Amino acid sequence: MTCAQTILDYGLRSLGIGERLLPRSDFTLCQQVTLIGSGLIWNLYFAFFALLFGFFLATGLALAKTSANSWLRKPANAFIFLFRGSPLFIQFFLAYEALVLLPRAGVEILGLTVATSWLAKAWAGALIVLTLNTAAYSAQIFHGALMAVPKGDIEAAEAYGMTGWTKFRRILWPTMLRLAWPSYTNEAIFLFHATTLVFFSGFPAFQQRGDSLYYASYFAGQTFNPFVAYPIVAGYFILCTLALIALFGIVNRRLNRHLPGTVKRVRYRPQIFR
């Protein structure tokens, strides 16, 4: 089997497209690269949607944390403290207990009576845990940025007659993002790396088609050689991390485009005379 045929057969296997049976012997480098890359689709799925939902949840939590209303501030503080104060793996374990094991034992949790509920699957249950975790860390970052918004900006907005939602949308939120974006970029990278914990979380994969670490573990167990499959996973994650840094860098330049010296043009100036 050629490498091109291997890519056609296994390139989208993690989504249920292509060959169902994994190779059993005579493993080639192309098979390992292709299948691990196929599983990376799920890691990208977890990272993208956890960041998307977590971003808006974190914004709401940051606003609640700065609110003078204790009914908003105290629950937000408790949520942030809970998810920042406990390890992510323990959160996966508790969610697995609540969404999978207890319903399987006949105990109702949030109306779940059977283990086949959609919340018991990795694509939903693990995504919820990642979303809540990154929302807590991001909310703390955004809260610090809100506290660092210059007083002069707020006073200028009020002098123009801006109040409430208008002031937040035009002044507070953009300034918060500019101040928080470098730290938020680090949080996005950490979250993307944390998607590998889904494999160890116990949540059942979609029809036994798991993420990149699922396939890497399979090849390492079959070949008794972890020094091929796991470096392939690391290589994929390094490439995706570089792409993530580049994407967030574009957003950062967009947020700060009005500041002097933000856009730097590289000019070639050869020194001919000394």
C-alpha atoms as a PDB file:
ATOM      1  CA  MET A   1       0.000   0.000   0.000  1.00  0.00           C
ATOM      2  CA  THR A   2       1.377   3.371  -1.006  1.00  0.00           C
ATOM      3  CA  CYS A   3       1.503   6.342   1.320  1.00  0.00           C
ATOM      4  CA  ALA A   4      -1.078   8.202  -0.802  1.00  0.00           C
ATOM      5  CA  GLN A   5      -3.481   5.276  -0.475  1.00  0.00           C
ATOM      6  CA  THR A   6      -2.851   5.162   3.279  1.00  0.00           C
ATOM      7  CA  ILE A   7      -3.787   8.850   3.554  1.00  0.00           C
ATOM      8  CA  LEU A   8      -6.970   8.238   1.565  1.00  0.00           C
ATOM      9  CA  ASP A   9      -7.908   5.247   3.725  1.00  0.00           C
ATOM     10  CA  TYR A  10      -7.032   6.593   7.180  1.00  0.00           C
ATOM     11  CA  GLY A  11      -6.825  10.392   6.851  1.00  0.00           C
ATOM     12  CA  LEU A  12     -10.337  10.946   8.225  1.00  0.00           C
ATOM     13  CA  ARG A  13     -10.738   7.754  10.218  1.00  0.00           C
ATOM     14  CA  SER A  14     -11.242   9.665  13.483  1.00  0.00           C
ATOM     15  CA  LEU A  15     -14.434  11.095  11.957  1.00  0.00           C
ATOM     16  CA  GLY A  16     -15.721   7.696  10.855  1.00  0.00           C
ATOM     17  CA  ILE A  17     -14.683   8.111   7.225  1.00  0.00           C
ATOM     18  CA  GLY A  18     -12.489   5.493   5.587  1.00  0.00           C
ATOM     19  CA  GLU A  19     -11.161   2.177   6.859  1.00  0.00           C
ATOM     20  CA  ARG A  20     -12.658   0.932  10.087  1.00  0.00           C
ATOM     21  CA  LEU A  21      -9.976  -1.587  11.050  1.00  0.00           C
ATOM     22  CA  LEU A  22      -6.615  -0.345  12.249  1.00  0.00           C
ATOM     23  CA  PRO A  23      -3.457  -1.873  10.749  1.00  0.00           C
ATOM     24  CA  ARG A  24      -2.324  -4.914  12.711  1.00  0.00           C
ATOM     25  CA  SER A  25       1.211  -5.514  11.519  1.00  0.00           C
ATOM     26  CA  ASP A  26       3.994  -4.130   9.338  1.00  0.00           C
ATOM     27  CA  PHE A  27       3.422  -0.623  10.605  1.00  0.00           C
ATOM     28  CA  THR A  28       4.865   2.079   8.386  1.00  0.00           C
ATOM     29  CA  LEU A  29       5.832   5.625   9.271  1.00  0.00           C
ATOM     30  CA  CYS A  30       3.179   6.904   6.882  1.00  0.00           C
ATOM     31  CA  GLN A  31       0.469   4.961   8.718  1.00  0.00           C
ATOM     32  CA  GLN A  32       1.511   6.398  12.059  1.00  0.00           C
ATOM     33  CA  VAL A  33       1.768   9.963  10.778  1.00  0.00           C
ATOM     34  CA  THR A  34      -1.579   9.691   8.986  1.00  0.00           C
ATOM     35  CA  LEU A  35      -3.574   8.131  11.817  1.00  0.00           C
ATOM     36  CA  ILE A  36      -2.113  10.366  14.513  1.00  0.00           C
ATOM     37  CA  GLY A  37      -2.832  13.369  12.292  1.00  0.00           C
ATOM     38  CA  SER A  38      -6.373  12.076  11.864  1.00  0.00           C
ATOM     39  CA  GLY A  39      -6.798  11.950  15.628  1.00  0.00           C
ATOM     40  CA  LEU A  40      -5.467  15.503  15.882  1.00  0.00           C
ATOM     41  CA  ILE A  41      -8.780  16.636  14.388  1.00  0.00           C
ATOM     42  CA  TRP A  42     -10.412  15.898  17.747  1.00  0.00           C
ATOM     43  CA  ASN A  43      -7.748  17.841  19.643  1.00  0.00           C
ATOM     44  CA  LEU A  44      -8.409  20.811  17.379  1.00  0.00           C
ATOM     45  CA  TYR A  45     -12.143  20.364  17.913  1.00  0.00           C
ATOM     46  CA  PHE A  46     -11.777  20.426  21.702  1.00  0.00           C
ATOM     47  CA  ALA A  47      -9.454  23.434  21.620  1.00  0.00           C
ATOM     48  CA  PHE A  48     -11.533  25.485  19.171  1.00  0.00           C
ATOM     49  CA  PHE A  49     -14.918  25.095  20.835  1.00  0.00           C
ATOM     50  CA  ALA A  50     -13.565  25.275  24.398  1.00  0.00           C
ATOM     51  CA  LEU A  51     -11.866  28.563  23.545  1.00  0.00           C
ATOM     52  CA  LEU A  52     -14.929  29.850  21.708  1.00  0.00           C
ATOM     53  CA  PHE A  53     -17.441  29.108  24.471  1.00  0.00           C
ATOM     54  CA  GLY A  54     -14.952  29.788  27.252  1.00  0.00           C
ATOM     55  CA  PHE A  55     -14.127  33.245  25.891  1.00  0.00           C
ATOM     56  CA  PHE A  56     -17.692  34.513  26.213  1.00  0.00           C
ATOM     57  CA  LEU A  57     -18.224  32.762  29.536  1.00  0.00           C
ATOM     58  CA  ALA A  58     -14.976  34.262  30.850  1.00  0.00           C
ATOM     59  CA  THR A  59     -16.074  37.751  29.781  1.00  0.00           C
ATOM     60  CA  GLY A  60     -19.308  37.360  31.726  1.00  0.00           C
ATOM     61  CA  LEU A  61     -17.481  36.000  34.756  1.00  0.00           C
ATOM     62  CA  ALA A  62     -14.987  38.878  34.690  1.00  0.00           C
ATOM     63  CA  LEU A  63     -17.820  41.400  34.627  1.00  0.00           C
ATOM     64  CA  ALA A  64     -19.580  39.576  37.454  1.00  0.00           C
ATOM     65  CA  LYS A  65     -16.368  39.528  39.472  1.00  0.00           C
ATOM     66  CA  THR A  66     -16.069  43.320  39.168  1.00  0.00           C
ATOM     67  CA  SER A  67     -19.739  43.893  39.962  1.00  0.00           C
ATOM     68  CA  ALA A  68     -20.772  45.640  43.147  1.00  0.00           C
ATOM     69  CA  ASN A  69     -23.680  43.194  43.425  1.00  0.00           C
ATOM     70  CA  SER A  70     -22.636  40.399  45.780  1.00  0.00           C
ATOM     71  CA  TRP A  71     -25.144  37.999  44.175  1.00  0.00           C
ATOM     72  CA  LEU A  72     -23.062  38.210  41.011  1.00  0.00           C
ATOM     73  CA  ARG A  73     -19.609  38.694  42.485  1.00  0.00           C
ATOM     74  CA  LYS A  74     -19.548  35.848  45.013  1.00  0.00           C
ATOM     75  CA  PRO A  75     -20.690  33.038  42.651  1.00  0.00           C
ATOM     76  CA  ALA A  76     -18.184  34.256  40.065  1.00  0.00           C
ATOM     77  CA  ASN A  77     -15.390  34.261  42.645  1.00  0.00           C
ATOM     78  CA  ALA A  78     -16.390  30.778  43.813  1.00  0.00           C
ATOM     79  CA  PHE A  79     -16.478  29.416  40.251  1.00  0.00           C
ATOM     80  CA  ILE A  80     -13.067  30.870  39.406  1.00  0.00           C
ATOM     81  CA  PHE A  81     -11.534  29.650  42.657  1.00  0.00           C
ATOM     82  CA  LEU A  82     -12.972  26.147  42.222  1.00  0.00           C
ATOM     83  CA  PHE A  83     -11.695  25.548  38.691  1.00  0.00           C
ATOM     84  CA  ARG A  84      -8.382  27.343  39.188  1.00  0.00           C
ATOM     85  CA  GLY A  85      -7.742  25.689  42.517  1.00  0.00           C
ATOM     86  CA  SER A  86      -8.237  22.072  41.433  1.00  0.00           C
ATOM     87  CA  PRO A  87      -6.215  20.074  38.886  1.00  0.00           C
ATOM     88  CA  LEU A  88      -7.765  19.663  35.459  1.00  0.00           C
ATOM     89  CA  PHE A  89      -7.341  15.902  35.591  1.00  0.00           C
ATOM     90  CA  ILE A  90      -9.365  15.745  38.809  1.00  0.00           C
ATOM     91  CA  GLN A  91     -12.080  17.802  37.122  1.00  0.00           C
ATOM     92  CA  PHE A  92     -12.133  15.262  34.286  1.00  0.00           C
ATOM     93  CA  PHE A  93     -12.387  12.443  36.801  1.00  0.00           C
ATOM     94  CA  LEU A  94     -15.266  14.040  38.726  1.00  0.00           C
ATOM     95  CA  ALA A  95     -17.119  14.818  35.495  1.00  0.00           C
ATOM     96  CA  TYR A  96     -16.611  11.235  34.355  1.00  0.00           C
ATOM     97  CA  GLU A  97     -18.021  10.002  37.659  1.00  0.00           C
ATOM     98  CA  ALA A  98     -21.019  12.335  37.459  1.00  0.00           C
ATOM     99  CA  LEU A  99     -21.842  11.898  33.773  1.00  0.00           C
ATOM    100  CA  VAL A 100     -20.860   8.287  33.087  1.00  0.00           C
ATOM    101  CA  LEU A 101     -20.442   6.064  36.142  1.00  0.00           C
ATOM    102  CA  LEU A 102     -23.286   7.322  38.319  1.00  0.00           C
ATOM    103  CA  PRO A 103     -25.921   7.188  35.532  1.00  0.00           C
ATOM    104  CA  ARG A 104     -24.651   3.699  34.675  1.00  0.00           C
ATOM    105  CA  ALA A 105     -25.276   2.710  38.285  1.00  0.00           C
ATOM    106  CA  GLY A 106     -28.830   4.079  38.111  1.00  0.00           C
ATOM    107  CA  VAL A 107     -28.190   7.345  39.955  1.00  0.00           C
ATOM    108  CA  GLU A 108     -29.760  10.389  38.308  1.00  0.00           C
ATOM    109  CA  ILE A 109     -27.483  13.389  37.755  1.00  0.00           C
ATOM    110  CA  LEU A 110     -29.095  16.330  35.965  1.00  0.00           C
ATOM    111  CA  GLY A 111     -31.723  13.979  34.587  1.00  0.00           C
ATOM    112  CA  LEU A 112     -29.222  11.460  33.205  1.00  0.00           C
ATOM    113  CA  THR A 113     -30.496   7.927  33.704  1.00  0.00           C
ATOM    114  CA  VAL A 114     -28.477   5.982  31.142  1.00  0.00           C
ATOM    115  CA  ALA A 115     -24.789   6.024  30.261  1.00  0.00           C
ATOM    116  CA  THR A 116     -25.586   6.483  26.588  1.00  0.00           C
ATOM    117  CA  SER A 117     -26.570  10.111  27.144  1.00  0.00           C
ATOM    118  CA  TRP A 118     -24.795  12.590  24.850  1.00  0.00           C
ATOM    119  CA  LEU A 119     -23.159  14.197  27.878  1.00  0.00           C
ATOM    120  CA  ALA A 120     -21.399  10.906  28.619  1.00  0.00           C
ATOM    121  CA  LYS A 121     -19.454  11.044  25.369  1.00  0.00           C
ATOM    122  CA  ALA A 122     -16.029  12.622  25.032  1.00  0.00           C
ATOM    123  CA  TRP A 123     -17.129  15.099  22.371  1.00  0.00           C
ATOM    124  CA  ALA A 124     -19.581  16.670  24.840  1.00  0.00           C
ATOM    125  CA  GLY A 125     -18.563  15.772  28.398  1.00  0.00           C
ATOM    126  CA  ALA A 126     -14.848  16.435  27.964  1.00  0.00           C
ATOM    127  CA  LEU A 127     -15.603  19.626  26.024  1.00  0.00           C
ATOM    128  CA  ILE A 128     -17.706  20.938  28.921  1.00  0.00           C
ATOM    129  CA  VAL A 129     -14.851  20.355  31.378  1.00  0.00           C
ATOM    130  CA  LEU A 130     -12.324  22.092  29.136  1.00  0.00           C
ATOM    131  CA  THR A 131     -14.696  25.004  28.571  1.00  0.00           C
ATOM    132  CA  LEU A 132     -15.322  25.557  32.272  1.00  0.00           C
ATOM    133  CA  ASN A 133     -11.637  25.248  33.094  1.00  0.00           C
ATOM    134  CA  THR A 134     -10.417  27.735  30.511  1.00  0.00           C
ATOM    135  CA  ALA A 135     -13.304  30.085  31.368  1.00  0.00           C
ATOM    136  CA  ALA A 136     -12.097  30.267  34.971  1.00  0.00           C
ATOM    137  CA  TYR A 137      -8.478  31.027  34.035  1.00  0.00           C
ATOM    138  CA  SER A 138      -9.464  33.446  31.281  1.00  0.00           C
ATOM    139  CA  ALA A 139     -11.919  35.227  33.585  1.00  0.00           C
ATOM    140  CA  GLN A 140      -9.128  35.939  36.047  1.00  0.00           C
ATOM    141  CA  ILE A 141      -7.005  37.314  33.215  1.00  0.00           C
ATOM    142  CA  PHE A 142      -9.851  39.482  31.926  1.00  0.00           C
ATOM    143  CA  HIS A 143     -10.655  40.672  35.442  1.00  0.00           C
ATOM    144  CA  GLY A 144      -7.093  41.856  35.922  1.00  0.00           C
ATOM    145  CA  ALA A 145      -7.258  43.646  32.586  1.00  0.00           C
ATOM    146  CA  LEU A 146     -10.531  45.335  33.535  1.00  0.00           C
ATOM    147  CA  MET A 147      -8.961  46.562  36.737  1.00  0.00           C
ATOM    148  CA  ALA A 148      -6.046  47.958  34.712  1.00  0.00           C
ATOM    149  CA  VAL A 149      -8.177  50.009  32.309  1.00  0.00           C
ATOM    150  CA  PRO A 150      -6.918  53.608  32.667  1.00  0.00           C
ATOM    151  CA  LYS A 151      -9.233  55.824  34.668  1.00  0.00           C
ATOM    152  CA  GLY A 152      -8.808  58.540  32.094  1.00  0.00           C
ATOM    153  CA  ASP A 153     -10.400  56.351  29.405  1.00  0.00           C
ATOM    154  CA  ILE A 154     -13.421  55.747  31.594  1.00  0.00           C
ATOM    155  CA  GLU A 155     -13.747  59.424  32.515  1.00  0.00           C
ATOM    156  CA  ALA A 156     -13.441  60.433  28.854  1.00  0.00           C
ATOM    157  CA  ALA A 157     -16.182  57.965  27.896  1.00  0.00           C
ATOM    158  CA  GLU A 158     -18.463  59.319  30.594  1.00  0.00           C
ATOM    159  CA  ALA A 159     -17.695  62.852  29.482  1.00  0.00           C
ATOM    160  CA  TYR A 160     -18.928  61.913  26.020  1.00  0.00           C
ATOM    161  CA  GLY A 161     -22.134  60.639  27.601  1.00  0.00           C
ATOM    162  CA  MET A 162     -21.376  56.932  27.266  1.00  0.00           C
ATOM    163  CA  THR A 163     -22.969  54.728  29.898  1.00  0.00           C
ATOM    164  CA  GLY A 164     -23.727  51.068  30.425  1.00  0.00           C
ATOM    165  CA  TRP A 165     -23.434  48.802  27.381  1.00  0.00           C
ATOM    166  CA  THR A 166     -22.129  51.551  25.086  1.00  0.00           C
ATOM    167  CA  LYS A 167     -19.235  52.347  27.412  1.00  0.00           C
ATOM    168  CA  PHE A 168     -18.402  48.659  27.798  1.00  0.00           C
ATOM    169  CA  ARG A 169     -18.556  47.922  24.062  1.00  0.00           C
ATOM    170  CA  ARG A 170     -16.653  51.001  22.907  1.00  0.00           C
ATOM    171  CA  ILE A 171     -14.129  51.512  25.717  1.00  0.00           C
ATOM    172  CA  LEU A 172     -13.893  48.824  28.396  1.00  0.00           C
ATOM    173  CA  TRP A 173     -14.057  45.666  26.289  1.00  0.00           C
ATOM    174  CA  PRO A 174     -11.517  46.694  23.579  1.00  0.00           C
ATOM    175  CA  THR A 175      -9.094  48.003  26.191  1.00  0.00           C
ATOM    176  CA  MET A 176      -9.534  44.857  28.264  1.00  0.00           C
ATOM    177  CA  LEU A 177      -8.709  42.684  25.257  1.00  0.00           C
ATOM    178  CA  ARG A 178      -5.621  44.710  24.377  1.00  0.00           C
ATOM    179  CA  LEU A 179      -4.277  44.407  27.900  1.00  0.00           C
ATOM    180  CA  ALA A 180      -5.212  40.755  28.368  1.00  0.00           C
ATOM    181  CA  TRP A 181      -4.380  39.338  24.940  1.00  0.00           C
ATOM    182  CA  PRO A 182      -0.731  38.315  25.559  1.00  0.00           C
ATOM    183  CA  SER A 183      -1.701  36.395  28.699  1.00  0.00           C
ATOM    184  CA  TYR A 184      -4.788  35.010  27.001  1.00  0.00           C
ATOM    185  CA  THR A 185      -2.579  33.701  24.200  1.00  0.00           C
ATOM    186  CA  ASN A 186      -0.660  31.656  26.765  1.00  0.00           C
ATOM    187  CA  GLU A 187      -3.930  30.337  28.161  1.00  0.00           C
ATOM    188  CA  ALA A 188      -5.012  29.268  24.666  1.00  0.00           C
ATOM    189  CA  ILE A 189      -1.739  27.377  24.204  1.00  0.00           C
ATOM    190  CA  PHE A 190      -2.077  25.685  27.600  1.00  0.00           C
ATOM    191  CA  LEU A 191      -5.641  24.672  26.788  1.00  0.00           C
ATOM    192  CA  PHE A 192      -4.636  23.188  23.436  1.00  0.00           C
ATOM    193  CA  HIS A 193      -1.968  21.109  25.153  1.00  0.00           C
ATOM    194  CA  ALA A 194      -4.481  20.089  27.830  1.00  0.00           C
ATOM    195  CA  THR A 195      -6.681  18.425  25.187  1.00  0.00           C
ATOM    196  CA  THR A 196      -4.322  15.442  25.410  1.00  0.00           C
ATOM    197  CA  LEU A 197      -5.795  14.744  28.872  1.00  0.00           C
ATOM    198  CA  VAL A 198      -9.094  13.773  27.242  1.00  0.00           C
ATOM    199  CA  PHE A 199      -7.494  10.430  26.349  1.00  0.00           C
ATOM    200  CA  PHE A 200      -6.841   9.746  30.040  1.00  0.00           C
ATOM    201  CA  SER A 201     -10.165  11.160  31.247  1.00  0.00           C
ATOM    202  CA  GLY A 202     -12.127   7.941  30.721  1.00  0.00           C
ATOM    203  CA  PHE A 203     -14.781   9.537  28.511  1.00  0.00           C
ATOM    204  CA  PRO A 204     -15.563   7.086  25.705  1.00  0.00           C
ATOM    205  CA  ALA A 205     -14.348   8.193  22.287  1.00  0.00           C
ATOM    206  CA  PHE A 206     -16.641   8.604  19.323  1.00  0.00           C
ATOM    207  CA  GLN A 207     -17.153   4.998  18.126  1.00  0.00           C
ATOM    208  CA  GLN A 208     -13.686   4.132  19.471  1.00  0.00           C
ATOM    209  CA  ARG A 209     -12.080   6.694  17.160  1.00  0.00           C
ATOM    210  CA  GLY A 210     -10.106   8.873  19.504  1.00  0.00           C
ATOM    211  CA  ASP A 211      -7.683  11.754  19.433  1.00  0.00           C
ATOM    212  CA  SER A 212      -4.012  11.849  18.479  1.00  0.00           C
ATOM    213  CA  LEU A 213      -2.858  10.331  21.752  1.00  0.00           C
ATOM    214  CA  TYR A 214      -5.309   7.449  21.248  1.00  0.00           C
ATOM    215  CA  TYR A 215      -3.556   6.408  18.040  1.00  0.00           C
ATOM    216  CA  ALA A 216      -0.088   7.116  19.411  1.00  0.00           C
ATOM    217  CA  SER A 217      -0.798   4.845  22.366  1.00  0.00           C
ATOM    218  CA  TYR A 218      -2.068   2.154  19.984  1.00  0.00           C
ATOM    219  CA  PHE A 219       1.096   2.199  17.870  1.00  0.00           C
ATOM    220  CA  ALA A 220       3.366   2.380  20.920  1.00  0.00           C
ATOM    221  CA  GLY A 221       1.605  -0.662  22.395  1.00  0.00           C
ATOM    222  CA  GLN A 222       1.718  -2.648  19.170  1.00  0.00           C
ATOM    223  CA  THR A 223       5.333  -1.907  18.277  1.00  0.00           C
ATOM    224  CA  PHE A 224       6.696  -1.615  21.849  1.00  0.00           C
ATOM    225  CA  ASN A 225       8.489   1.496  20.597  1.00  0.00           C
ATOM    226  CA  PRO A 226       7.183   4.787  22.007  1.00  0.00           C
ATOM    227  CA  PHE A 227      10.022   6.767  20.402  1.00  0.00           C
ATOM    228  CA  VAL A 228       8.234   7.038  17.056  1.00  0.00           C
ATOM    229  CA  ALA A 229       4.551   7.625  17.781  1.00  0.00           C
ATOM    230  CA  TYR A 230       4.888  10.087  20.645  1.00  0.00           C
ATOM    231  CA  PRO A 231       7.443  12.348  18.912  1.00  0.00           C
ATOM    232  CA  ILE A 232       5.009  12.475  15.986  1.00  0.00           C
ATOM    233  CA  VAL A 233       2.333  13.765  18.388  1.00  0.00           C
ATOM    234  CA  ALA A 234       4.789  16.314  19.767  1.00  0.00           C
ATOM    235  CA  GLY A 235       5.658  17.441  16.233  1.00  0.00           C
ATOM    236  CA  TYR A 236       2.002  17.942  15.355  1.00  0.00           C
ATOM    237  CA  PHE A 237       1.393  19.935  18.529  1.00  0.00           C
ATOM    238  CA  ILE A 238       4.461  22.115  17.938  1.00  0.00           C
ATOM    239  CA  LEU A 239       3.253  22.966  14.426  1.00  0.00           C
ATOM    240  CA  CYS A 240      -0.270  23.726  15.658  1.00  0.00           C
ATOM    241  CA  THR A 241       1.121  25.826  18.509  1.00  0.00           C
ATOM    242  CA  LEU A 242       3.139  27.897  16.045  1.00  0.00           C
ATOM    243  CA  ALA A 243      -0.001  28.389  13.952  1.00  0.00           C
ATOM    244  CA  LEU A 244      -1.934  29.381  17.077  1.00  0.00           C
ATOM    245  CA  ILE A 245       0.726  31.908  18.060  1.00  0.00           C
ATOM    246  CA  ALA A 246       0.664  33.373  14.551  1.00  0.00           C
ATOM    247  CA  LEU A 247      -3.146  33.615  14.571  1.00  0.00           C
ATOM    248  CA  PHE A 248      -3.276  35.271  17.982  1.00  0.00           C
ATOM    249  CA  GLY A 249      -0.458  37.571  16.904  1.00  0.00           C
ATOM    250  CA  ILE A 250      -2.573  38.775  13.989  1.00  0.00           C
ATOM    251  CA  VAL A 251      -5.445  39.482  16.372  1.00  0.00           C
ATOM    252  CA  ASN A 252      -3.087  41.300  18.735  1.00  0.00           C
ATOM    253  CA  ARG A 253      -1.827  43.541  15.938  1.00  0.00           C
ATOM    254  CA  ARG A 254      -5.403  44.201  14.927  1.00  0.00           C
ATOM    255  CA  LEU A 255      -6.334  45.208  18.475  1.00  0.00           C
ATOM    256  CA  ASN A 256      -3.345  47.558  18.736  1.00  0.00           C
ATOM    257  CA  ARG A 257      -3.362  48.899  15.174  1.00  0.00           C
ATOM    258  CA  HIS A 258      -4.130  52.430  16.380  1.00  0.00           C
ATOM    259  CA  LEU A 259      -1.080  52.624  18.627  1.00  0.00           C
ATOM    260  CA  PRO A 260       2.108  54.209  17.271  1.00  0.00           C
ATOM    261  CA  GLY A 261       4.910  51.814  16.448  1.00  0.00           C
ATOM    262  CA  THR A 262       2.686  48.717  16.400  1.00  0.00           C
ATOM    263  CA  VAL A 263       3.217  47.848  12.743  1.00  0.00           C
ATOM    264  CA  LYS A 264       6.888  47.617  11.926  1.00  0.00           C
ATOM    265  CA  ARG A 265       8.006  47.397   8.337  1.00  0.00           C
ATOM    266  CA  VAL A 266      11.234  45.602   7.654  1.00  0.00           C
ATOM    267  CA  ARG A 267      13.446  47.711   5.444  1.00  0.00           C
ATOM    268  CA  TYR A 268      16.664  46.546   3.868  1.00  0.00           C
ATOM    269  CA  ARG A 269      19.316  49.187   4.340  1.00  0.00           C
ATOM    270  CA  PRO A 270      22.743  47.893   3.345  1.00  0.00           C
ATOM    271  CA  GLN A 271      25.654  49.750   4.900  1.00  0.00           C
ATOM    272  CA  ILE A 272      27.923  50.568   1.992  1.00  0.00           C
ATOM    273  CA  PHE A 273      30.071  53.257   3.529  1.00  0.00           C
ATOM    274  CA  ARG A 274      31.436  53.190   7.039  1.00  0.00           C
END
